[in-house]
Amino acid sequence: QLVESGGGLVQPGGSLRLSCAASGFTLTDYAIGWFRQAPGKGREGVSCLTKSGGRTNYADSVKGRFTISRDNAKNTVYLQMNSLKPEDTAVYYCAASLMFLPTMCSMTSASLYVNWGQGTQVTVSS
């Protein structure tokens, strides 16, 4: 099971850190992806972290602003979001995948991910 937390209301330019805590399995056995879905839009891949923990990928829309990381001791993955924009408003989900080699990950196909969390709402507004 994956449980996201850390969402909320923030002003443009602000920061939030989302957490994705796993129970019942070990995150280091999976690639982890963060996805988001804004109202009326499809699910968008935001970032992913390889099983090895050594490589990350980011959508162009968040590159340089968001950082994905993992705390193995806490079995938790984080998404640090800085310089937030109104267009970042969405429900954010984390998910795990066994479909990638240890040094690979991709957010282009959400269907490769399983064990989705329930999502956490991020609203960026003044």
Foldseek 3Di string as FASTA:
>chain_A
DWAKDWADEAAQQAKIKIKIADDPDAQLLWKKWKWWDDPPGDIGTAKIAFSLRPDMDGDPVQPPFWDWHDDRVRSMIMIIGGRDDQVVWTWMKMFTANPDDRHDDDRPDPVRTDPIHPTDTHGYHD
